[in-house]
Amino acid sequence: FHSMLGDNGDKNAKDQTKDARTKVPVMHDGELPETIDAYFTRDYNMVQPGHKHPGVQGGFIIIKPSMDAFTEYVEIVKEGRFFQGSGWEGKGYGGYFGAQQIQGICSFYYDYRHPGTAVELNKC
């Protein structure tokens, strides 16, 4: 995805990135973040209506490779600060199937720890 990779100062890559960003089928209107580290869809069917922090759909996640992000993910899991009912670090990223796994931790990571770095795609 050129919209994730950026331009690295190259004119041709910059044009490809700009063009690619106009074709991303996002879930909500608004500007895309300057840097996109992940794309995912949400699994709204797995949470109660009105749940503040729905998880991601674990079957479709695109993540830009990053050792820093990987290391942070590992540390979050090793710390094990997941609480029944209130989720990761007690911030509400829980209460649904898969909340202790990728569905919940990805939502927690990109919504709470690194907001504005991921894009929710249109699930249709």
Foldseek 3Di string as FASTA:
>chain_A
DLLAPAQPPPPVSNVVNVVVLVVFAFPDDDDAFPHAFKEFAFDVVFDDPPQPQTFTDVVDMDGDDDPVLVVVLVVQVVVVQQDPPQGRVSPRLDDTPQLNHRRRSVSCCDVPVNDRHHTYHRPD
